[in-house]
Amino acid sequence: MKTVFRLAALSVLAFASPACSAEPPQSYADGEVTAGTDIPDSAWRTVDPENLMLIDTAYGMIGVELLPEIAPLHVAQVKQLARDGFYDGVPFHRVIDGFMNQTGDGSNGDGTGDSDLPNIPAEFSFRRGEDMAITLVSARGAEEQQIATGFYKGLPVASQPISQAILTRDGKVAAFGLHCAGVTSMARTSDPASANSQFFLMRGQAEHLDSQYSIWGTTVLGHDYLTSFEEGVVGQNDGFVPDQMNSVRIAADLPEDDRPVVQVLDTGSDAFSSWIATQTYDDVCDVQIPTRTL
């Protein structure tokens, strides 16, 4: 069975670096953008429909922005399974309050099954160059060994400062995604290369999972629905009737008139910088990047 460990003391890849020194610290806002918010249209980034996965549930549509730059093998597999209809009708077989919603077992529906596709090698971290700018907002850890944290597009990440790229052979630095609410990540066994079809959508923060599971996307539509699912575990909780993914589609495969246009506040824009300067937060996971649909 593929289990996402909740309390295990797993090691996290750490980088010794000055707090947000290489890429100036910015901030981030909590909640969704409402009518009347003074944000120019130029500050919104439209999610590529080829990398927008739409999960239809009884509560509403959840949209996940897929990030092939972060985890290309996982994104490719999830896309193929969605396009094959593998995820249609699959239950959320393990839902834990404050933690995550696990699904993707299209064979048995209880966390013991997978697809017929090969397992995927781990993509726990990635390397980034100047073309993958991160908007830094805070840092974690003791002053001498802080991890700079911020956002790549809408994904919360930790990263070495880009200034260290001149010291590396490939001209890039190491980074990894953070398991904050809304992030999507792949379930696995104790074997790091055992991910296949099961995945989970985070309901809260789980720092102990960082750099231990392969993150491949983040929620950009229907964020509030993530805490609506019935809580329980198939085979463990008597009377538990799990919610399900009614259908899972890639937006680009839908007729243009039927697909939502999802926009995310561009974390690299001047409007974002001005806006986040007025916000308060303790950790990068405390905030949710605003999105809108057209």
C-alpha atoms as a PDB file:
ATOM      1  CA  MET A   1       0.000   0.000   0.000  1.00  0.00           C
ATOM      2  CA  LYS A   2       1.223   3.449  -0.855  1.00  0.00           C
ATOM      3  CA  THR A   3       1.053   5.601   2.238  1.00  0.00           C
ATOM      4  CA  VAL A   4       1.919   9.225   2.761  1.00  0.00           C
ATOM      5  CA  PHE A   5       3.514   9.317   6.177  1.00  0.00           C
ATOM      6  CA  ARG A   6       2.053  11.953   8.456  1.00  0.00           C
ATOM      7  CA  LEU A   7       4.336  11.940  11.489  1.00  0.00           C
ATOM      8  CA  ALA A   8       7.527  10.283  10.290  1.00  0.00           C
ATOM      9  CA  ALA A   9      10.705  12.205  11.085  1.00  0.00           C
ATOM     10  CA  LEU A  10      12.036  12.372   7.546  1.00  0.00           C
ATOM     11  CA  SER A  11      15.125  14.353   6.668  1.00  0.00           C
ATOM     12  CA  VAL A  12      14.717  17.478   4.560  1.00  0.00           C
ATOM     13  CA  LEU A  13      17.257  18.685   2.041  1.00  0.00           C
ATOM     14  CA  ALA A  14      18.647  21.900   3.499  1.00  0.00           C
ATOM     15  CA  PHE A  15      20.715  24.660   1.961  1.00  0.00           C
ATOM     16  CA  ALA A  16      22.949  26.993   3.904  1.00  0.00           C
ATOM     17  CA  SER A  17      22.326  30.466   2.532  1.00  0.00           C
ATOM     18  CA  PRO A  18      21.599  34.007   3.656  1.00  0.00           C
ATOM     19  CA  ALA A  19      17.891  34.652   4.029  1.00  0.00           C
ATOM     20  CA  CYS A  20      16.541  35.877   0.709  1.00  0.00           C
ATOM     21  CA  SER A  21      19.694  37.797  -0.137  1.00  0.00           C
ATOM     22  CA  ALA A  22      20.171  36.869  -3.772  1.00  0.00           C
ATOM     23  CA  GLU A  23      16.617  37.419  -4.888  1.00  0.00           C
ATOM     24  CA  PRO A  24      15.031  40.265  -2.889  1.00  0.00           C
ATOM     25  CA  PRO A  25      12.432  39.236  -0.300  1.00  0.00           C
ATOM     26  CA  GLN A  26       8.843  39.885  -1.227  1.00  0.00           C
ATOM     27  CA  SER A  27       5.538  38.801   0.253  1.00  0.00           C
ATOM     28  CA  TYR A  28       2.322  37.135  -0.665  1.00  0.00           C
ATOM     29  CA  ALA A  29      -1.352  37.508   0.023  1.00  0.00           C
ATOM     30  CA  ASP A  30      -3.855  35.216   1.655  1.00  0.00           C
ATOM     31  CA  GLY A  31      -7.185  34.300   0.093  1.00  0.00           C
ATOM     32  CA  GLU A  32      -8.859  34.822  -3.235  1.00  0.00           C
ATOM     33  CA  VAL A  33      -9.053  38.038  -5.172  1.00  0.00           C
ATOM     34  CA  THR A  34     -12.452  39.671  -4.911  1.00  0.00           C
ATOM     35  CA  ALA A  35     -14.204  42.176  -7.101  1.00  0.00           C
ATOM     36  CA  GLY A  36     -12.787  45.652  -6.730  1.00  0.00           C
ATOM     37  CA  THR A  37      -9.235  44.571  -5.969  1.00  0.00           C
ATOM     38  CA  ASP A  38      -6.922  47.022  -7.719  1.00  0.00           C
ATOM     39  CA  ILE A  39      -4.814  44.615  -9.759  1.00  0.00           C
ATOM     40  CA  PRO A  40      -4.209  45.440 -13.432  1.00  0.00           C
ATOM     41  CA  ASP A  41      -4.958  42.811 -16.051  1.00  0.00           C
ATOM     42  CA  SER A  42      -1.291  42.808 -17.022  1.00  0.00           C
ATOM     43  CA  ALA A  43      -0.413  41.332 -13.613  1.00  0.00           C
ATOM     44  CA  TRP A  44      -2.316  38.097 -14.262  1.00  0.00           C
ATOM     45  CA  ARG A  45      -0.659  35.024 -15.774  1.00  0.00           C
ATOM     46  CA  THR A  46      -2.877  32.649 -17.778  1.00  0.00           C
ATOM     47  CA  VAL A  47      -2.331  28.963 -17.017  1.00  0.00           C
ATOM     48  CA  ASP A  48      -1.440  26.953 -20.133  1.00  0.00           C
ATOM     49  CA  PRO A  49      -4.450  24.669 -20.851  1.00  0.00           C
ATOM     50  CA  GLU A  50      -1.998  21.902 -21.756  1.00  0.00           C
ATOM     51  CA  ASN A  51      -0.811  22.021 -18.150  1.00  0.00           C
ATOM     52  CA  LEU A  52      -4.172  22.513 -16.438  1.00  0.00           C
ATOM     53  CA  MET A  53      -5.734  19.360 -14.994  1.00  0.00           C
ATOM     54  CA  LEU A  54      -9.427  19.629 -14.145  1.00  0.00           C
ATOM     55  CA  ILE A  55     -10.804  17.327 -11.426  1.00  0.00           C
ATOM     56  CA  ASP A  56     -14.595  17.271 -11.285  1.00  0.00           C
ATOM     57  CA  THR A  57     -15.972  16.477  -7.816  1.00  0.00           C
ATOM     58  CA  ALA A  58     -19.348  16.575  -6.119  1.00  0.00           C
ATOM     59  CA  TYR A  59     -18.374  19.906  -4.549  1.00  0.00           C
ATOM     60  CA  GLY A  60     -17.083  21.613  -7.673  1.00  0.00           C
ATOM     61  CA  MET A  61     -14.166  21.725 -10.078  1.00  0.00           C
ATOM     62  CA  ILE A  62     -10.593  21.611  -8.825  1.00  0.00           C
ATOM     63  CA  GLY A  63      -7.931  22.890 -11.209  1.00  0.00           C
ATOM     64  CA  VAL A  64      -4.286  21.874 -10.801  1.00  0.00           C
ATOM     65  CA  GLU A  65      -1.500  23.618 -12.680  1.00  0.00           C
ATOM     66  CA  LEU A  66       0.965  20.949 -13.801  1.00  0.00           C
ATOM     67  CA  LEU A  67       4.653  21.867 -13.665  1.00  0.00           C
ATOM     68  CA  PRO A  68       6.726  19.779 -16.088  1.00  0.00           C
ATOM     69  CA  GLU A  69       9.734  21.992 -15.326  1.00  0.00           C
ATOM     70  CA  ILE A  70       9.678  20.594 -11.775  1.00  0.00           C
ATOM     71  CA  ALA A  71       8.777  16.937 -12.338  1.00  0.00           C
ATOM     72  CA  PRO A  72       8.614  16.094 -16.058  1.00  0.00           C
ATOM     73  CA  LEU A  73       8.217  12.325 -15.632  1.00  0.00           C
ATOM     74  CA  HIS A  74       5.388  12.631 -13.124  1.00  0.00           C
ATOM     75  CA  VAL A  75       3.537  15.238 -15.171  1.00  0.00           C
ATOM     76  CA  ALA A  76       3.780  13.083 -18.279  1.00  0.00           C
ATOM     77  CA  GLN A  77       2.397  10.041 -16.454  1.00  0.00           C
ATOM     78  CA  VAL A  78      -0.455  11.919 -14.783  1.00  0.00           C
ATOM     79  CA  LYS A  79      -1.418  13.467 -18.122  1.00  0.00           C
ATOM     80  CA  GLN A  80      -1.450  10.094 -19.843  1.00  0.00           C
ATOM     81  CA  LEU A  81      -3.586   8.521 -17.112  1.00  0.00           C
ATOM     82  CA  ALA A  82      -6.023  11.432 -17.219  1.00  0.00           C
ATOM     83  CA  ARG A  83      -6.274  11.210 -21.003  1.00  0.00           C
ATOM     84  CA  ASP A  84      -6.807   7.450 -20.790  1.00  0.00           C
ATOM     85  CA  GLY A  85      -9.744   7.991 -18.401  1.00  0.00           C
ATOM     86  CA  PHE A  86      -7.948   6.022 -15.681  1.00  0.00           C
ATOM     87  CA  TYR A  87      -8.847   8.515 -12.961  1.00  0.00           C
ATOM     88  CA  ASP A  88     -12.573   8.757 -13.750  1.00  0.00           C
ATOM     89  CA  GLY A  89     -14.679   7.569 -10.817  1.00  0.00           C
ATOM     90  CA  VAL A  90     -11.652   6.901  -8.596  1.00  0.00           C
ATOM     91  CA  PRO A  91     -12.268   7.507  -4.853  1.00  0.00           C
ATOM     92  CA  PHE A  92     -10.367   9.625  -2.381  1.00  0.00           C
ATOM     93  CA  HIS A  93      -9.559   6.508  -0.382  1.00  0.00           C
ATOM     94  CA  ARG A  94      -7.529   8.237   2.354  1.00  0.00           C
ATOM     95  CA  VAL A  95      -8.586  11.668   3.588  1.00  0.00           C
ATOM     96  CA  ILE A  96      -7.021  13.063   6.771  1.00  0.00           C
ATOM     97  CA  ASP A  97      -8.041  16.343   8.347  1.00  0.00           C
ATOM     98  CA  GLY A  98      -5.281  18.942   8.296  1.00  0.00           C
ATOM     99  CA  PHE A  99      -3.083  16.730   6.149  1.00  0.00           C
ATOM    100  CA  MET A 100      -4.088  15.519   2.673  1.00  0.00           C
ATOM    101  CA  ASN A 101      -6.568  13.855   0.287  1.00  0.00           C
ATOM    102  CA  GLN A 102      -5.122  10.712  -1.334  1.00  0.00           C
ATOM    103  CA  THR A 103      -6.565   9.229  -4.513  1.00  0.00           C
ATOM    104  CA  GLY A 104      -5.466   7.736  -7.832  1.00  0.00           C
ATOM    105  CA  ASP A 105      -5.904   3.995  -7.180  1.00  0.00           C
ATOM    106  CA  GLY A 106      -7.930   3.252 -10.284  1.00  0.00           C
ATOM    107  CA  SER A 107      -7.466  -0.499  -9.891  1.00  0.00           C
ATOM    108  CA  ASN A 108      -8.635  -1.374  -6.365  1.00  0.00           C
ATOM    109  CA  GLY A 109      -9.787   1.942  -4.922  1.00  0.00           C
ATOM    110  CA  ASP A 110      -8.236   1.283  -1.510  1.00  0.00           C
ATOM    111  CA  GLY A 111      -4.601   2.328  -1.898  1.00  0.00           C
ATOM    112  CA  THR A 112      -3.278  -1.104  -2.848  1.00  0.00           C
ATOM    113  CA  GLY A 113      -3.461  -0.691  -6.618  1.00  0.00           C
ATOM    114  CA  ASP A 114      -1.828   1.241  -9.420  1.00  0.00           C
ATOM    115  CA  SER A 115      -2.003   1.569 -13.194  1.00  0.00           C
ATOM    116  CA  ASP A 116      -0.342  -0.727 -15.719  1.00  0.00           C
ATOM    117  CA  LEU A 117       2.187   1.970 -16.582  1.00  0.00           C
ATOM    118  CA  PRO A 118       5.763   1.644 -15.263  1.00  0.00           C
ATOM    119  CA  ASN A 119       6.669   3.198 -11.936  1.00  0.00           C
ATOM    120  CA  ILE A 120       8.351   6.606 -12.026  1.00  0.00           C
ATOM    121  CA  PRO A 121      11.818   7.500 -10.707  1.00  0.00           C
ATOM    122  CA  ALA A 122      11.849   9.997  -7.864  1.00  0.00           C
ATOM    123  CA  GLU A 123      11.791  13.700  -8.735  1.00  0.00           C
ATOM    124  CA  PHE A 124      12.071  15.053  -5.206  1.00  0.00           C
ATOM    125  CA  SER A 125      14.065  18.136  -6.204  1.00  0.00           C
ATOM    126  CA  PHE A 126      15.020  20.057  -9.324  1.00  0.00           C
ATOM    127  CA  ARG A 127      17.698  22.369 -10.592  1.00  0.00           C
ATOM    128  CA  ARG A 128      16.964  25.876 -11.781  1.00  0.00           C
ATOM    129  CA  GLY A 129      18.824  28.511 -13.716  1.00  0.00           C
ATOM    130  CA  GLU A 130      18.207  32.173 -14.487  1.00  0.00           C
ATOM    131  CA  ASP A 131      15.213  31.171 -16.609  1.00  0.00           C
ATOM    132  CA  MET A 132      13.347  29.834 -13.546  1.00  0.00           C
ATOM    133  CA  ALA A 133      13.109  32.915 -11.362  1.00  0.00           C
ATOM    134  CA  ILE A 134      11.769  32.536  -7.839  1.00  0.00           C
ATOM    135  CA  THR A 135      10.050  35.288  -5.904  1.00  0.00           C
ATOM    136  CA  LEU A 136      11.514  34.958  -2.420  1.00  0.00           C
ATOM    137  CA  VAL A 137       9.311  35.794   0.538  1.00  0.00           C
ATOM    138  CA  SER A 138      10.866  34.299   3.674  1.00  0.00           C
ATOM    139  CA  ALA A 139      13.318  31.783   5.090  1.00  0.00           C
ATOM    140  CA  ARG A 140      13.217  28.728   7.325  1.00  0.00           C
ATOM    141  CA  GLY A 141      15.698  27.464   9.886  1.00  0.00           C
ATOM    142  CA  ALA A 142      18.379  28.898  12.139  1.00  0.00           C
ATOM    143  CA  GLU A 143      20.110  32.075  11.057  1.00  0.00           C
ATOM    144  CA  GLU A 144      23.359  30.297  10.163  1.00  0.00           C
ATOM    145  CA  GLN A 145      21.623  27.691   7.977  1.00  0.00           C
ATOM    146  CA  GLN A 146      18.483  29.239   6.607  1.00  0.00           C
ATOM    147  CA  ILE A 147      16.570  27.917   3.621  1.00  0.00           C
ATOM    148  CA  ALA A 148      15.294  30.661   1.330  1.00  0.00           C
ATOM    149  CA  THR A 149      11.618  30.111   0.441  1.00  0.00           C
ATOM    150  CA  GLY A 150       9.330  31.684  -2.122  1.00  0.00           C
ATOM    151  CA  PHE A 151       7.340  30.908  -5.262  1.00  0.00           C
ATOM    152  CA  TYR A 152       8.037  29.555  -8.696  1.00  0.00           C
ATOM    153  CA  LYS A 153       4.857  30.488 -10.556  1.00  0.00           C
ATOM    154  CA  GLY A 154       2.248  29.434  -7.998  1.00  0.00           C
ATOM    155  CA  LEU A 155       4.322  26.717  -6.325  1.00  0.00           C
ATOM    156  CA  PRO A 156       5.954  27.297  -2.928  1.00  0.00           C
ATOM    157  CA  VAL A 157       9.603  26.248  -3.075  1.00  0.00           C
ATOM    158  CA  ALA A 158      12.892  26.309  -1.195  1.00  0.00           C
ATOM    159  CA  SER A 159      16.054  27.083  -3.112  1.00  0.00           C
ATOM    160  CA  GLN A 160      19.721  27.859  -3.021  1.00  0.00           C
ATOM    161  CA  PRO A 161      20.354  31.492  -4.008  1.00  0.00           C
ATOM    162  CA  ILE A 162      20.738  31.911  -7.758  1.00  0.00           C
ATOM    163  CA  SER A 163      24.033  33.716  -7.138  1.00  0.00           C
ATOM    164  CA  GLN A 164      25.595  30.313  -6.425  1.00  0.00           C
ATOM    165  CA  ALA A 165      24.899  29.203 -10.010  1.00  0.00           C
ATOM    166  CA  ILE A 166      28.246  30.613 -11.136  1.00  0.00           C
ATOM    167  CA  LEU A 167      29.925  28.028  -8.899  1.00  0.00           C
ATOM    168  CA  THR A 168      28.134  24.994 -10.347  1.00  0.00           C
ATOM    169  CA  ARG A 169      29.051  22.920 -13.375  1.00  0.00           C
ATOM    170  CA  ASP A 170      25.608  23.232 -15.003  1.00  0.00           C
ATOM    171  CA  GLY A 171      25.063  26.888 -14.100  1.00  0.00           C
ATOM    172  CA  LYS A 172      22.054  25.995 -11.954  1.00  0.00           C
ATOM    173  CA  VAL A 173      21.181  25.657  -8.265  1.00  0.00           C
ATOM    174  CA  ALA A 174      19.185  23.097  -6.300  1.00  0.00           C
ATOM    175  CA  ALA A 175      15.561  23.636  -5.282  1.00  0.00           C
ATOM    176  CA  PHE A 176      12.562  21.620  -4.137  1.00  0.00           C
ATOM    177  CA  GLY A 177       8.823  22.143  -3.796  1.00  0.00           C
ATOM    178  CA  LEU A 178       7.147  22.558  -0.407  1.00  0.00           C
ATOM    179  CA  HIS A 179       4.166  20.566   0.811  1.00  0.00           C
ATOM    180  CA  CYS A 180       1.817  23.448   1.559  1.00  0.00           C
ATOM    181  CA  ALA A 181      -1.987  23.433   1.283  1.00  0.00           C
ATOM    182  CA  GLY A 182      -3.032  23.034  -2.344  1.00  0.00           C
ATOM    183  CA  VAL A 183       0.163  21.358  -3.530  1.00  0.00           C
ATOM    184  CA  THR A 184      -0.174  18.041  -5.391  1.00  0.00           C
ATOM    185  CA  SER A 185       2.367  15.293  -4.834  1.00  0.00           C
ATOM    186  CA  MET A 186       2.817  11.614  -5.688  1.00  0.00           C
ATOM    187  CA  ALA A 187       2.240   8.757  -3.244  1.00  0.00           C
ATOM    188  CA  ARG A 188       4.763   5.926  -3.045  1.00  0.00           C
ATOM    189  CA  THR A 189       5.956   3.019  -0.918  1.00  0.00           C
ATOM    190  CA  SER A 190       9.250   3.046   0.974  1.00  0.00           C
ATOM    191  CA  ASP A 191      10.932   2.691  -2.417  1.00  0.00           C
ATOM    192  CA  PRO A 192      11.630   6.219  -3.708  1.00  0.00           C
ATOM    193  CA  ALA A 193      11.064   5.040  -7.298  1.00  0.00           C
ATOM    194  CA  SER A 194       7.656   3.413  -6.688  1.00  0.00           C
ATOM    195  CA  ALA A 195       5.297   6.266  -7.634  1.00  0.00           C
ATOM    196  CA  ASN A 196       2.802   5.252 -10.318  1.00  0.00           C
ATOM    197  CA  SER A 197      -0.761   6.622 -10.325  1.00  0.00           C
ATOM    198  CA  GLN A 198      -1.696   7.495  -6.748  1.00  0.00           C
ATOM    199  CA  PHE A 199      -1.356  11.108  -5.702  1.00  0.00           C
ATOM    200  CA  PHE A 200      -2.490  13.434  -2.945  1.00  0.00           C
ATOM    201  CA  LEU A 201      -3.701  17.009  -2.661  1.00  0.00           C
ATOM    202  CA  MET A 202      -2.492  18.777   0.453  1.00  0.00           C
ATOM    203  CA  ARG A 203      -5.073  20.109   2.928  1.00  0.00           C
ATOM    204  CA  GLY A 204      -2.435  21.653   5.193  1.00  0.00           C
ATOM    205  CA  GLN A 205       1.310  22.003   5.654  1.00  0.00           C
ATOM    206  CA  ALA A 206       3.555  18.937   6.015  1.00  0.00           C
ATOM    207  CA  GLU A 207       7.178  20.035   6.143  1.00  0.00           C
ATOM    208  CA  HIS A 208       8.402  16.497   6.890  1.00  0.00           C
ATOM    209  CA  LEU A 209       7.353  15.434   3.362  1.00  0.00           C
ATOM    210  CA  ASP A 210       9.529  18.043   1.655  1.00  0.00           C
ATOM    211  CA  SER A 211      12.219  16.535  -0.604  1.00  0.00           C
ATOM    212  CA  GLN A 212      10.821  13.079   0.187  1.00  0.00           C
ATOM    213  CA  TYR A 213       7.902  12.979  -2.265  1.00  0.00           C
ATOM    214  CA  SER A 214       7.650  14.196  -5.854  1.00  0.00           C
ATOM    215  CA  ILE A 215       5.621  17.406  -6.174  1.00  0.00           C
ATOM    216  CA  TRP A 216       4.240  18.001  -9.659  1.00  0.00           C
ATOM    217  CA  GLY A 217       1.566  20.703  -9.395  1.00  0.00           C
ATOM    218  CA  THR A 218      -0.447  23.123  -7.319  1.00  0.00           C
ATOM    219  CA  THR A 219      -4.121  23.993  -7.015  1.00  0.00           C
ATOM    220  CA  VAL A 220      -5.186  27.104  -8.932  1.00  0.00           C
ATOM    221  CA  LEU A 221      -8.960  26.566  -8.998  1.00  0.00           C
ATOM    222  CA  GLY A 222     -11.362  25.314  -6.310  1.00  0.00           C
ATOM    223  CA  HIS A 223      -8.877  25.570  -3.450  1.00  0.00           C
ATOM    224  CA  ASP A 224     -11.722  25.677  -0.898  1.00  0.00           C
ATOM    225  CA  TYR A 225     -13.017  22.281  -2.048  1.00  0.00           C
ATOM    226  CA  LEU A 226      -9.881  20.555  -0.764  1.00  0.00           C
ATOM    227  CA  THR A 227     -11.284  20.537   2.775  1.00  0.00           C
ATOM    228  CA  SER A 228     -14.787  19.453   1.723  1.00  0.00           C
ATOM    229  CA  PHE A 229     -14.114  15.748   1.171  1.00  0.00           C
ATOM    230  CA  GLU A 230     -15.402  13.125   3.605  1.00  0.00           C
ATOM    231  CA  GLU A 231     -12.648  12.187   6.035  1.00  0.00           C
ATOM    232  CA  GLY A 232     -11.636   8.593   6.611  1.00  0.00           C
ATOM    233  CA  VAL A 233      -9.645   5.672   5.264  1.00  0.00           C
ATOM    234  CA  VAL A 234     -11.066   2.879   3.131  1.00  0.00           C
ATOM    235  CA  GLY A 235     -10.740  -0.423   4.998  1.00  0.00           C
ATOM    236  CA  GLN A 236     -10.071   1.255   8.336  1.00  0.00           C
ATOM    237  CA  ASN A 237     -13.111   3.385   9.142  1.00  0.00           C
ATOM    238  CA  ASP A 238     -16.456   1.588   9.282  1.00  0.00           C
ATOM    239  CA  GLY A 239     -19.168   3.403   7.377  1.00  0.00           C
ATOM    240  CA  PHE A 240     -16.722   5.599   5.494  1.00  0.00           C
ATOM    241  CA  VAL A 241     -18.111   6.390   2.044  1.00  0.00           C
ATOM    242  CA  PRO A 242     -15.362   8.182   0.126  1.00  0.00           C
ATOM    243  CA  ASP A 243     -15.904  11.003  -2.314  1.00  0.00           C
ATOM    244  CA  GLN A 244     -14.533  10.462  -5.793  1.00  0.00           C
ATOM    245  CA  MET A 245     -13.072  12.167  -8.802  1.00  0.00           C
ATOM    246  CA  ASN A 246     -16.032  12.108 -11.194  1.00  0.00           C
ATOM    247  CA  SER A 247     -13.755  12.855 -14.114  1.00  0.00           C
ATOM    248  CA  VAL A 248     -10.235  14.131 -14.694  1.00  0.00           C
ATOM    249  CA  ARG A 249      -9.406  16.009 -17.886  1.00  0.00           C
ATOM    250  CA  ILE A 250      -6.598  18.096 -19.327  1.00  0.00           C
ATOM    251  CA  ALA A 251      -8.097  21.481 -20.223  1.00  0.00           C
ATOM    252  CA  ALA A 252      -6.478  21.520 -23.676  1.00  0.00           C
ATOM    253  CA  ASP A 253      -8.492  18.428 -24.617  1.00  0.00           C
ATOM    254  CA  LEU A 254     -11.828  20.178 -24.038  1.00  0.00           C
ATOM    255  CA  PRO A 255     -13.575  22.360 -26.615  1.00  0.00           C
ATOM    256  CA  GLU A 256     -12.361  25.906 -26.187  1.00  0.00           C
ATOM    257  CA  ASP A 257     -15.808  27.135 -25.150  1.00  0.00           C
ATOM    258  CA  ASP A 258     -16.007  24.492 -22.405  1.00  0.00           C
ATOM    259  CA  ARG A 259     -12.633  25.005 -20.757  1.00  0.00           C
ATOM    260  CA  PRO A 260     -12.108  27.564 -17.980  1.00  0.00           C
ATOM    261  CA  VAL A 261      -9.501  30.262 -18.458  1.00  0.00           C
ATOM    262  CA  VAL A 262      -7.608  30.261 -15.178  1.00  0.00           C
ATOM    263  CA  GLN A 263      -5.306  33.115 -14.265  1.00  0.00           C
ATOM    264  CA  VAL A 264      -2.829  33.366 -11.404  1.00  0.00           C
ATOM    265  CA  LEU A 265      -1.403  36.578 -10.008  1.00  0.00           C
ATOM    266  CA  ASP A 266       2.072  36.792 -11.544  1.00  0.00           C
ATOM    267  CA  THR A 267       4.578  36.574  -8.695  1.00  0.00           C
ATOM    268  CA  GLY A 268       7.157  38.368 -10.818  1.00  0.00           C
ATOM    269  CA  SER A 269       5.006  41.413 -11.524  1.00  0.00           C
ATOM    270  CA  ASP A 270       5.341  44.884 -10.012  1.00  0.00           C
ATOM    271  CA  ALA A 271       1.684  44.709  -8.969  1.00  0.00           C
ATOM    272  CA  PHE A 272       2.395  41.554  -6.996  1.00  0.00           C
ATOM    273  CA  SER A 273       5.373  43.192  -5.283  1.00  0.00           C
ATOM    274  CA  SER A 274       3.297  46.205  -4.282  1.00  0.00           C
ATOM    275  CA  TRP A 275       0.423  44.095  -3.074  1.00  0.00           C
ATOM    276  CA  ILE A 276       2.361  41.597  -1.017  1.00  0.00           C
ATOM    277  CA  ALA A 277       4.241  44.342   0.786  1.00  0.00           C
ATOM    278  CA  THR A 278       0.999  45.031   2.685  1.00  0.00           C
ATOM    279  CA  GLN A 279       0.530  41.412   3.809  1.00  0.00           C
ATOM    280  CA  THR A 280       1.643  39.606   6.964  1.00  0.00           C
ATOM    281  CA  TYR A 281       2.558  35.918   7.360  1.00  0.00           C
ATOM    282  CA  ASP A 282       4.887  33.673   9.337  1.00  0.00           C
ATOM    283  CA  ASP A 283       5.772  31.104   6.691  1.00  0.00           C
ATOM    284  CA  VAL A 284       5.500  30.711   2.938  1.00  0.00           C
ATOM    285  CA  CYS A 285       2.855  28.020   3.542  1.00  0.00           C
ATOM    286  CA  ASP A 286       0.591  30.506   5.330  1.00  0.00           C
ATOM    287  CA  VAL A 287      -0.415  32.194   2.101  1.00  0.00           C
ATOM    288  CA  GLN A 288      -2.383  31.339  -1.013  1.00  0.00           C
ATOM    289  CA  ILE A 289      -1.673  33.022  -4.307  1.00  0.00           C
ATOM    290  CA  PRO A 290      -4.843  34.653  -5.696  1.00  0.00           C
ATOM    291  CA  THR A 291      -6.383  33.231  -8.833  1.00  0.00           C
ATOM    292  CA  ARG A 292      -9.337  34.107 -11.025  1.00  0.00           C
ATOM    293  CA  THR A 293     -11.297  32.584 -13.906  1.00  0.00           C
ATOM    294  CA  LEU A 294     -12.514  34.324 -17.038  1.00  0.00           C
END
